N, C-alpha and C. Protein backbone atom coordinates (compact mmCIF):
# COMPACT_ATOMS: atom_id res chain seq x y z
N MET A 1 54.30 112.68 89.45
CA MET A 1 54.49 112.07 88.16
C MET A 1 55.51 110.94 88.28
N PRO A 2 55.38 109.98 87.45
CA PRO A 2 56.20 108.79 87.60
C PRO A 2 57.58 108.91 86.95
N VAL A 3 58.45 109.70 87.55
CA VAL A 3 59.85 109.74 87.11
C VAL A 3 60.73 109.48 88.32
N VAL A 4 61.89 108.95 88.05
CA VAL A 4 62.85 108.70 89.12
C VAL A 4 63.60 109.99 89.39
N VAL A 5 63.59 110.41 90.64
CA VAL A 5 64.37 111.57 91.06
C VAL A 5 65.61 111.01 91.75
N GLN A 6 66.76 111.28 91.18
CA GLN A 6 68.01 110.75 91.73
C GLN A 6 68.28 111.31 93.12
N ALA A 7 68.94 110.52 93.93
CA ALA A 7 69.32 110.97 95.27
C ALA A 7 70.25 112.17 95.15
N GLU A 8 70.08 113.10 96.06
CA GLU A 8 70.92 114.29 96.06
C GLU A 8 72.33 113.93 96.52
N THR A 9 73.26 114.80 96.19
CA THR A 9 74.59 114.68 96.78
C THR A 9 74.41 114.86 98.28
N ARG A 10 75.08 114.05 99.05
CA ARG A 10 74.90 114.07 100.50
C ARG A 10 74.93 115.50 101.04
N GLY A 11 73.85 115.89 101.73
CA GLY A 11 73.76 117.21 102.34
C GLY A 11 73.28 118.31 101.41
N ASP A 12 72.95 117.99 100.15
CA ASP A 12 72.53 119.02 99.20
C ASP A 12 71.00 119.15 99.21
N GLU A 13 70.50 119.79 100.24
CA GLU A 13 69.06 119.96 100.38
C GLU A 13 68.48 120.76 99.22
N ARG A 14 69.18 121.81 98.81
CA ARG A 14 68.71 122.62 97.68
C ARG A 14 68.54 121.76 96.43
N GLY A 15 69.56 120.95 96.17
CA GLY A 15 69.51 120.08 94.99
C GLY A 15 68.34 119.11 95.04
N ALA A 16 68.09 118.56 96.22
CA ALA A 16 66.99 117.61 96.37
C ALA A 16 65.65 118.29 96.12
N LEU A 17 65.45 119.45 96.74
CA LEU A 17 64.18 120.16 96.56
C LEU A 17 63.99 120.61 95.12
N LEU A 18 65.05 121.13 94.51
CA LEU A 18 64.95 121.57 93.11
C LEU A 18 64.70 120.39 92.17
N ALA A 19 65.27 119.23 92.47
CA ALA A 19 65.04 118.05 91.63
C ALA A 19 63.58 117.61 91.69
N TYR A 20 63.00 117.62 92.89
CA TYR A 20 61.59 117.26 93.00
C TYR A 20 60.68 118.30 92.35
N LEU A 21 61.05 119.56 92.48
CA LEU A 21 60.27 120.61 91.81
C LEU A 21 60.32 120.41 90.30
N GLU A 22 61.50 120.14 89.76
CA GLU A 22 61.63 119.94 88.31
C GLU A 22 60.87 118.69 87.86
N ALA A 23 60.84 117.65 88.67
CA ALA A 23 60.08 116.45 88.32
C ALA A 23 58.60 116.78 88.16
N GLN A 24 58.07 117.61 89.04
CA GLN A 24 56.66 117.98 88.96
C GLN A 24 56.39 118.93 87.79
N ARG A 25 57.32 119.87 87.56
CA ARG A 25 57.19 120.73 86.37
C ARG A 25 57.13 119.87 85.11
N GLY A 26 58.02 118.89 85.05
CA GLY A 26 58.09 118.01 83.88
C GLY A 26 56.79 117.27 83.64
N GLY A 27 56.11 116.89 84.71
CA GLY A 27 54.84 116.19 84.55
C GLY A 27 53.82 117.03 83.81
N ILE A 28 53.76 118.29 84.14
CA ILE A 28 52.80 119.17 83.46
C ILE A 28 53.25 119.45 82.02
N ARG A 29 54.53 119.69 81.85
CA ARG A 29 55.04 119.93 80.48
C ARG A 29 54.80 118.71 79.59
N ARG A 30 55.09 117.51 80.12
CA ARG A 30 54.91 116.29 79.32
C ARG A 30 53.46 116.07 78.94
N ALA A 31 52.54 116.51 79.79
CA ALA A 31 51.11 116.31 79.49
C ALA A 31 50.72 117.02 78.20
N LEU A 32 51.49 118.01 77.80
CA LEU A 32 51.21 118.75 76.56
C LEU A 32 51.89 118.13 75.34
N HIS A 33 52.77 117.16 75.56
CA HIS A 33 53.56 116.58 74.48
C HIS A 33 52.69 116.00 73.37
N GLY A 34 52.95 116.46 72.17
CA GLY A 34 52.29 115.90 70.99
C GLY A 34 50.88 116.37 70.74
N LEU A 35 50.39 117.31 71.53
CA LEU A 35 49.02 117.80 71.34
C LEU A 35 48.98 118.99 70.39
N THR A 36 47.86 119.16 69.75
CA THR A 36 47.63 120.36 68.96
C THR A 36 47.27 121.50 69.91
N GLU A 37 47.32 122.72 69.39
CA GLU A 37 46.90 123.87 70.20
C GLU A 37 45.45 123.69 70.66
N GLU A 38 44.62 123.19 69.76
CA GLU A 38 43.20 122.99 70.10
C GLU A 38 43.05 121.99 71.25
N GLN A 39 43.79 120.88 71.18
CA GLN A 39 43.72 119.89 72.26
C GLN A 39 44.26 120.47 73.57
N ALA A 40 45.35 121.24 73.50
CA ALA A 40 45.95 121.81 74.70
C ALA A 40 45.02 122.80 75.38
N ARG A 41 44.15 123.44 74.60
CA ARG A 41 43.20 124.41 75.16
C ARG A 41 41.85 123.78 75.52
N SER A 42 41.65 122.54 75.12
CA SER A 42 40.36 121.89 75.36
C SER A 42 40.13 121.62 76.84
N THR A 43 38.87 121.55 77.20
CA THR A 43 38.48 121.28 78.59
C THR A 43 37.58 120.04 78.60
N PRO A 44 38.17 118.85 78.42
CA PRO A 44 37.37 117.64 78.22
C PRO A 44 36.84 116.99 79.49
N ALA A 45 37.30 117.44 80.64
CA ALA A 45 36.87 116.82 81.90
C ALA A 45 35.72 117.60 82.51
N ALA A 46 35.32 117.22 83.69
CA ALA A 46 34.18 117.86 84.35
C ALA A 46 34.47 119.32 84.71
N SER A 47 35.74 119.66 84.90
CA SER A 47 36.09 121.04 85.26
C SER A 47 36.34 121.86 84.00
N GLU A 48 36.65 123.13 84.19
CA GLU A 48 36.98 124.00 83.06
C GLU A 48 38.48 124.11 82.85
N LEU A 49 39.25 123.19 83.42
CA LEU A 49 40.70 123.22 83.29
C LEU A 49 41.15 122.67 81.95
N SER A 50 42.13 123.35 81.36
CA SER A 50 42.80 122.84 80.17
C SER A 50 44.26 122.62 80.52
N LEU A 51 44.95 121.82 79.73
CA LEU A 51 46.37 121.58 79.98
C LEU A 51 47.17 122.87 79.82
N LEU A 52 46.86 123.66 78.80
CA LEU A 52 47.58 124.91 78.62
C LEU A 52 47.27 125.88 79.75
N GLY A 53 46.04 125.88 80.22
CA GLY A 53 45.67 126.71 81.36
C GLY A 53 46.40 126.30 82.63
N LEU A 54 46.57 125.00 82.83
CA LEU A 54 47.32 124.53 84.00
C LEU A 54 48.78 124.97 83.92
N LEU A 55 49.38 124.84 82.73
CA LEU A 55 50.77 125.28 82.58
C LEU A 55 50.89 126.77 82.85
N LYS A 56 49.96 127.56 82.33
CA LYS A 56 49.99 128.99 82.58
C LYS A 56 49.87 129.27 84.07
N HIS A 57 48.93 128.62 84.72
CA HIS A 57 48.68 128.86 86.14
C HIS A 57 49.92 128.56 86.99
N VAL A 58 50.50 127.38 86.82
CA VAL A 58 51.64 127.04 87.67
C VAL A 58 52.86 127.90 87.36
N THR A 59 53.01 128.30 86.11
CA THR A 59 54.13 129.16 85.74
C THR A 59 53.97 130.54 86.38
N LEU A 60 52.79 131.11 86.29
CA LEU A 60 52.55 132.42 86.91
C LEU A 60 52.63 132.32 88.44
N ALA A 61 52.15 131.22 88.99
CA ALA A 61 52.23 131.03 90.44
C ALA A 61 53.69 130.96 90.88
N GLU A 62 54.51 130.21 90.15
CA GLU A 62 55.92 130.12 90.51
C GLU A 62 56.60 131.48 90.40
N ARG A 63 56.31 132.20 89.33
CA ARG A 63 56.89 133.54 89.16
C ARG A 63 56.44 134.46 90.29
N GLY A 64 55.18 134.39 90.67
CA GLY A 64 54.67 135.21 91.76
C GLY A 64 55.33 134.87 93.09
N TRP A 65 55.49 133.58 93.36
CA TRP A 65 56.16 133.17 94.59
C TRP A 65 57.62 133.60 94.58
N LEU A 66 58.27 133.50 93.44
CA LEU A 66 59.67 133.92 93.37
C LEU A 66 59.79 135.41 93.68
N ASN A 67 58.86 136.21 93.19
CA ASN A 67 58.84 137.64 93.54
C ASN A 67 58.67 137.81 95.05
N THR A 68 57.79 137.03 95.64
CA THR A 68 57.57 137.10 97.09
C THR A 68 58.84 136.69 97.84
N PHE A 69 59.47 135.59 97.42
CA PHE A 69 60.71 135.14 98.06
C PHE A 69 61.75 136.27 98.06
N ARG A 70 61.81 136.98 96.94
CA ARG A 70 62.83 138.02 96.77
C ARG A 70 62.42 139.36 97.37
N GLY A 71 61.20 139.45 97.89
CA GLY A 71 60.74 140.70 98.49
C GLY A 71 60.28 141.72 97.48
N ILE A 72 59.97 141.28 96.26
CA ILE A 72 59.46 142.18 95.23
C ILE A 72 57.96 142.34 95.45
N GLU A 73 57.54 143.55 95.73
CA GLU A 73 56.14 143.80 96.05
C GLU A 73 55.31 144.00 94.79
N VAL A 74 54.13 143.44 94.82
CA VAL A 74 53.14 143.59 93.75
C VAL A 74 51.85 144.01 94.44
N SER A 75 51.13 144.92 93.82
CA SER A 75 49.89 145.39 94.45
C SER A 75 48.87 144.27 94.55
N ASP A 76 47.98 144.41 95.52
CA ASP A 76 46.91 143.42 95.68
C ASP A 76 46.08 143.31 94.40
N ALA A 77 45.82 144.43 93.76
CA ALA A 77 45.02 144.42 92.53
C ALA A 77 45.74 143.64 91.43
N GLU A 78 47.05 143.82 91.31
CA GLU A 78 47.81 143.09 90.29
C GLU A 78 47.82 141.59 90.59
N ARG A 79 48.04 141.24 91.87
CA ARG A 79 48.04 139.82 92.23
C ARG A 79 46.68 139.18 91.96
N GLN A 80 45.62 139.88 92.31
CA GLN A 80 44.28 139.33 92.10
C GLN A 80 43.99 139.17 90.62
N ALA A 81 44.32 140.17 89.83
CA ALA A 81 44.07 140.09 88.38
C ALA A 81 44.85 138.95 87.74
N GLU A 82 46.11 138.79 88.14
CA GLU A 82 46.91 137.70 87.56
C GLU A 82 46.34 136.35 87.97
N TRP A 83 45.97 136.21 89.24
CA TRP A 83 45.43 134.94 89.70
C TRP A 83 44.12 134.61 88.98
N GLU A 84 43.24 135.60 88.85
CA GLU A 84 41.93 135.36 88.24
C GLU A 84 42.06 134.93 86.78
N GLY A 85 43.06 135.42 86.07
CA GLY A 85 43.24 135.03 84.68
C GLY A 85 44.25 133.93 84.46
N SER A 86 44.75 133.37 85.55
CA SER A 86 45.88 132.45 85.42
C SER A 86 45.52 131.11 84.79
N PHE A 87 44.29 130.70 84.84
CA PHE A 87 43.91 129.41 84.25
C PHE A 87 43.43 129.53 82.80
N THR A 88 43.37 130.75 82.29
CA THR A 88 42.82 130.96 80.95
C THR A 88 43.88 131.57 80.04
N PRO A 89 44.46 130.77 79.14
CA PRO A 89 45.46 131.32 78.23
C PRO A 89 44.83 132.22 77.19
N GLY A 90 45.49 133.35 76.94
CA GLY A 90 45.04 134.26 75.89
C GLY A 90 45.47 133.76 74.52
N PRO A 91 45.02 134.42 73.47
CA PRO A 91 45.32 133.98 72.11
C PRO A 91 46.82 133.88 71.81
N ALA A 92 47.62 134.78 72.37
CA ALA A 92 49.07 134.77 72.11
C ALA A 92 49.81 133.79 73.01
N GLU A 93 49.13 133.24 74.00
CA GLU A 93 49.76 132.29 74.92
C GLU A 93 49.60 130.88 74.37
N THR A 94 50.52 130.51 73.53
CA THR A 94 50.50 129.20 72.87
C THR A 94 51.27 128.19 73.71
N VAL A 95 51.20 126.93 73.30
CA VAL A 95 51.99 125.90 73.98
C VAL A 95 53.47 126.30 73.93
N GLU A 96 53.93 126.72 72.77
CA GLU A 96 55.33 127.09 72.61
C GLU A 96 55.73 128.26 73.50
N THR A 97 54.93 129.31 73.52
CA THR A 97 55.29 130.48 74.32
C THR A 97 55.20 130.19 75.82
N MET A 98 54.21 129.39 76.22
CA MET A 98 54.08 129.08 77.64
C MET A 98 55.17 128.12 78.11
N LEU A 99 55.58 127.17 77.25
CA LEU A 99 56.70 126.31 77.62
C LEU A 99 57.98 127.12 77.76
N ALA A 100 58.17 128.10 76.89
CA ALA A 100 59.35 128.97 76.98
C ALA A 100 59.31 129.80 78.26
N LEU A 101 58.16 130.36 78.59
CA LEU A 101 58.04 131.13 79.83
C LEU A 101 58.27 130.23 81.03
N SER A 102 57.73 129.02 81.00
CA SER A 102 57.93 128.07 82.09
C SER A 102 59.41 127.79 82.30
N ALA A 103 60.15 127.57 81.22
CA ALA A 103 61.59 127.31 81.33
C ALA A 103 62.32 128.53 81.88
N GLN A 104 61.92 129.71 81.46
CA GLN A 104 62.55 130.96 81.93
C GLN A 104 62.30 131.14 83.43
N VAL A 105 61.08 130.93 83.86
CA VAL A 105 60.74 131.08 85.27
C VAL A 105 61.48 130.03 86.11
N ALA A 106 61.53 128.79 85.60
CA ALA A 106 62.23 127.73 86.32
C ALA A 106 63.71 128.07 86.49
N ALA A 107 64.33 128.59 85.44
CA ALA A 107 65.74 128.97 85.52
C ALA A 107 65.94 130.09 86.55
N GLY A 108 65.01 131.02 86.59
CA GLY A 108 65.08 132.09 87.59
C GLY A 108 64.96 131.57 89.00
N THR A 109 64.07 130.63 89.21
CA THR A 109 63.90 130.03 90.54
C THR A 109 65.17 129.30 90.95
N GLU A 110 65.71 128.49 90.05
CA GLU A 110 66.91 127.72 90.38
C GLU A 110 68.08 128.65 90.70
N ALA A 111 68.26 129.70 89.91
CA ALA A 111 69.34 130.65 90.17
C ALA A 111 69.16 131.32 91.53
N ALA A 112 67.94 131.71 91.84
CA ALA A 112 67.66 132.39 93.11
C ALA A 112 67.90 131.45 94.29
N VAL A 113 67.50 130.19 94.15
CA VAL A 113 67.69 129.22 95.24
C VAL A 113 69.19 128.99 95.49
N HIS A 114 69.96 128.93 94.43
CA HIS A 114 71.40 128.74 94.60
C HIS A 114 72.09 130.00 95.13
N ALA A 115 71.49 131.16 94.90
CA ALA A 115 72.10 132.42 95.33
C ALA A 115 71.77 132.79 96.77
N VAL A 116 70.64 132.32 97.29
CA VAL A 116 70.26 132.69 98.65
C VAL A 116 71.24 132.05 99.64
N GLU A 117 71.57 132.79 100.67
CA GLU A 117 72.59 132.33 101.63
C GLU A 117 72.21 131.00 102.29
N SER A 118 70.95 130.88 102.67
CA SER A 118 70.49 129.68 103.38
C SER A 118 69.01 129.48 103.10
N LEU A 119 68.58 128.23 103.10
CA LEU A 119 67.15 127.95 102.97
C LEU A 119 66.39 128.36 104.21
N ASP A 120 67.12 128.69 105.27
CA ASP A 120 66.50 129.23 106.48
C ASP A 120 66.20 130.73 106.35
N THR A 121 66.75 131.36 105.31
CA THR A 121 66.46 132.77 105.06
C THR A 121 64.95 132.93 104.90
N THR A 122 64.41 133.99 105.47
CA THR A 122 62.96 134.17 105.43
C THR A 122 62.55 135.31 104.50
N PHE A 123 61.31 135.26 104.14
CA PHE A 123 60.66 136.30 103.34
C PHE A 123 59.28 136.52 103.95
N VAL A 124 58.66 137.61 103.58
CA VAL A 124 57.34 137.93 104.13
C VAL A 124 56.26 137.63 103.10
N VAL A 125 55.30 136.84 103.51
CA VAL A 125 54.12 136.58 102.68
C VAL A 125 53.05 137.56 103.13
N PRO A 126 52.56 138.39 102.21
CA PRO A 126 51.52 139.35 102.60
C PRO A 126 50.22 138.62 102.94
N PRO A 127 49.39 139.22 103.75
CA PRO A 127 48.10 138.61 104.07
C PRO A 127 47.27 138.42 102.79
N ALA A 128 46.48 137.37 102.80
CA ALA A 128 45.57 137.08 101.70
C ALA A 128 44.21 136.76 102.30
N PRO A 129 43.17 136.74 101.49
CA PRO A 129 41.84 136.44 102.04
C PRO A 129 41.76 135.09 102.75
N TRP A 130 42.67 134.15 102.42
CA TRP A 130 42.62 132.82 102.99
C TRP A 130 43.71 132.55 104.03
N ASP A 131 44.63 133.54 104.25
CA ASP A 131 45.73 133.32 105.17
C ASP A 131 46.26 134.64 105.72
N LYS A 132 46.72 134.63 106.96
CA LYS A 132 47.19 135.87 107.58
C LYS A 132 48.58 136.28 107.12
N GLY A 133 49.30 135.40 106.38
CA GLY A 133 50.64 135.73 105.93
C GLY A 133 51.65 135.61 107.06
N GLY A 134 52.84 136.18 106.86
CA GLY A 134 53.87 136.14 107.89
C GLY A 134 55.23 135.82 107.30
N ASP A 135 56.16 135.47 108.19
CA ASP A 135 57.52 135.12 107.79
C ASP A 135 57.61 133.63 107.49
N PHE A 136 58.21 133.31 106.34
CA PHE A 136 58.38 131.93 105.93
C PHE A 136 59.80 131.75 105.39
N SER A 137 60.30 130.54 105.47
CA SER A 137 61.65 130.25 104.98
C SER A 137 61.61 129.88 103.49
N TRP A 138 62.76 130.02 102.85
CA TRP A 138 62.87 129.59 101.45
C TRP A 138 62.59 128.10 101.34
N ARG A 139 62.93 127.33 102.35
CA ARG A 139 62.64 125.89 102.35
C ARG A 139 61.13 125.68 102.24
N TRP A 140 60.39 126.39 103.10
CA TRP A 140 58.93 126.31 103.05
C TRP A 140 58.44 126.70 101.67
N GLY A 141 59.01 127.75 101.10
CA GLY A 141 58.59 128.22 99.77
C GLY A 141 58.79 127.17 98.70
N LEU A 142 59.95 126.50 98.72
CA LEU A 142 60.19 125.44 97.73
C LEU A 142 59.23 124.27 97.92
N LEU A 143 58.99 123.90 99.17
CA LEU A 143 58.03 122.82 99.42
C LEU A 143 56.64 123.22 98.94
N HIS A 144 56.28 124.47 99.13
CA HIS A 144 54.98 124.94 98.66
C HIS A 144 54.90 124.88 97.13
N LEU A 145 55.97 125.24 96.43
CA LEU A 145 55.97 125.15 94.97
C LEU A 145 55.84 123.70 94.52
N ILE A 146 56.54 122.78 95.19
CA ILE A 146 56.42 121.37 94.85
C ILE A 146 54.97 120.92 95.02
N GLU A 147 54.36 121.32 96.12
CA GLU A 147 52.96 120.98 96.39
C GLU A 147 52.05 121.52 95.28
N GLU A 148 52.25 122.78 94.90
CA GLU A 148 51.43 123.41 93.87
C GLU A 148 51.53 122.66 92.54
N TYR A 149 52.76 122.37 92.14
CA TYR A 149 52.95 121.64 90.88
C TYR A 149 52.39 120.23 90.96
N ALA A 150 52.62 119.54 92.06
CA ALA A 150 52.16 118.15 92.18
C ALA A 150 50.64 118.07 92.12
N ARG A 151 49.99 118.99 92.78
CA ARG A 151 48.52 119.01 92.75
C ARG A 151 48.01 119.15 91.32
N HIS A 152 48.61 120.08 90.59
CA HIS A 152 48.14 120.32 89.23
C HIS A 152 48.67 119.30 88.23
N ALA A 153 49.79 118.65 88.54
CA ALA A 153 50.25 117.56 87.67
C ALA A 153 49.24 116.42 87.69
N GLY A 154 48.62 116.19 88.82
CA GLY A 154 47.56 115.17 88.89
C GLY A 154 46.36 115.55 88.03
N HIS A 155 46.00 116.83 88.07
CA HIS A 155 44.92 117.29 87.18
C HIS A 155 45.32 117.07 85.72
N ALA A 156 46.58 117.40 85.40
CA ALA A 156 47.05 117.26 84.02
C ALA A 156 46.97 115.80 83.56
N ASP A 157 47.30 114.86 84.45
CA ASP A 157 47.19 113.44 84.09
C ASP A 157 45.77 113.09 83.66
N ILE A 158 44.81 113.53 84.44
CA ILE A 158 43.41 113.18 84.14
C ILE A 158 42.95 113.84 82.84
N ILE A 159 43.29 115.11 82.67
CA ILE A 159 42.88 115.80 81.44
C ILE A 159 43.51 115.13 80.22
N ARG A 160 44.82 114.83 80.29
CA ARG A 160 45.48 114.21 79.15
C ARG A 160 44.87 112.85 78.83
N GLU A 161 44.62 112.05 79.83
CA GLU A 161 44.02 110.74 79.57
C GLU A 161 42.63 110.88 78.95
N THR A 162 41.92 111.93 79.33
CA THR A 162 40.60 112.18 78.76
C THR A 162 40.71 112.58 77.29
N ILE A 163 41.75 113.31 76.95
CA ILE A 163 41.93 113.77 75.56
C ILE A 163 42.22 112.61 74.62
N ASP A 164 43.23 111.80 74.96
CA ASP A 164 43.65 110.77 74.00
C ASP A 164 44.03 109.44 74.62
N GLY A 165 43.76 109.27 75.91
CA GLY A 165 44.04 108.00 76.55
C GLY A 165 45.47 107.80 77.01
N LYS A 166 46.35 108.75 76.74
CA LYS A 166 47.75 108.59 77.16
C LYS A 166 47.89 108.94 78.62
N GLY A 167 48.48 108.00 79.37
CA GLY A 167 48.73 108.22 80.78
C GLY A 167 50.13 108.77 81.01
N ALA A 168 50.40 109.08 82.25
CA ALA A 168 51.69 109.68 82.61
C ALA A 168 52.86 108.79 82.23
N PHE A 169 52.76 107.48 82.46
CA PHE A 169 53.86 106.59 82.10
C PHE A 169 54.08 106.57 80.59
N ASP A 170 53.00 106.56 79.82
CA ASP A 170 53.14 106.61 78.37
C ASP A 170 53.97 107.82 77.95
N LEU A 171 53.66 108.97 78.53
CA LEU A 171 54.34 110.22 78.17
C LEU A 171 55.77 110.26 78.67
N VAL A 172 56.02 109.68 79.83
CA VAL A 172 57.40 109.61 80.35
C VAL A 172 58.26 108.83 79.38
N PHE A 173 57.77 107.68 78.94
CA PHE A 173 58.57 106.85 78.03
C PHE A 173 58.65 107.48 76.64
N GLU A 174 57.53 108.03 76.16
CA GLU A 174 57.48 108.63 74.83
C GLU A 174 58.42 109.82 74.69
N THR A 175 58.55 110.60 75.75
CA THR A 175 59.41 111.79 75.70
C THR A 175 60.86 111.49 76.07
N GLY A 176 61.13 110.28 76.51
CA GLY A 176 62.48 109.92 76.91
C GLY A 176 62.87 110.43 78.29
N ALA A 177 61.89 110.86 79.07
CA ALA A 177 62.18 111.33 80.43
C ALA A 177 62.71 110.19 81.29
N MET A 178 62.36 108.98 80.90
CA MET A 178 62.82 107.80 81.61
C MET A 178 62.67 106.62 80.65
N PRO A 179 63.64 105.72 80.62
CA PRO A 179 63.49 104.56 79.71
C PRO A 179 62.43 103.60 80.23
N GLU A 180 61.83 102.88 79.29
CA GLU A 180 60.88 101.85 79.71
C GLU A 180 61.63 100.81 80.52
N PRO A 181 61.03 100.34 81.60
CA PRO A 181 61.73 99.37 82.44
C PRO A 181 61.85 98.01 81.76
N ASP A 182 62.94 97.33 82.06
CA ASP A 182 63.16 95.97 81.60
C ASP A 182 62.77 95.04 82.74
N TRP A 183 61.62 94.43 82.60
CA TRP A 183 61.09 93.57 83.66
C TRP A 183 61.60 92.14 83.59
N SER A 184 62.42 91.82 82.60
CA SER A 184 62.83 90.43 82.39
C SER A 184 63.55 89.84 83.60
N GLY A 185 64.30 90.61 84.33
CA GLY A 185 65.03 90.09 85.48
C GLY A 185 64.19 90.03 86.74
N GLN A 186 62.92 90.39 86.67
CA GLN A 186 62.08 90.44 87.85
C GLN A 186 61.20 89.22 88.04
N GLU A 187 61.26 88.30 87.08
CA GLU A 187 60.40 87.11 87.16
C GLU A 187 60.74 86.28 88.38
N GLY A 188 59.73 85.84 89.06
CA GLY A 188 59.91 84.99 90.22
C GLY A 188 60.17 85.74 91.51
N ARG A 189 60.31 87.04 91.46
CA ARG A 189 60.52 87.83 92.68
C ARG A 189 59.17 88.18 93.29
N GLU A 190 59.09 88.07 94.57
CA GLU A 190 57.82 88.40 95.24
C GLU A 190 58.05 89.39 96.32
């Protein structure tokens, strides 16, 4: 998403990774800005993805990964059921409730990242039908979360533009995530 991520304090790898993760979270959250519940649940593109479904999916994925990072075990049946329903918001899962859950999960991730001794600390990823699992570092985990959010933030851009024509830059400026640039001093620069 088109926001400026400030440079980290020298040597603050955690801060840098968390800033990029938050930038991608913001892209999906902003895609919902100003929409009705009906629009947020609509599936106007070629896929069956909705903006609210994307927010639900990435929020549950982040929560699931945070459990994995912390060594909290969940049964295969529970993981499969959550994943299978993760793109479809239920009647009680509104834009407001999902944004609140997203903020809660994000705060939990940030607290856990600051509490872990080192980003080199490892956790065990259980085997899945698509991967053998194994030991991974918290650094890898944060990069994976950034990847997950970024992939779906791109989907959110397309869905939002299909709904009402608003692009990511429009929403960045409209929500105040970043001021509109002043191009007046750029004339004549090549």
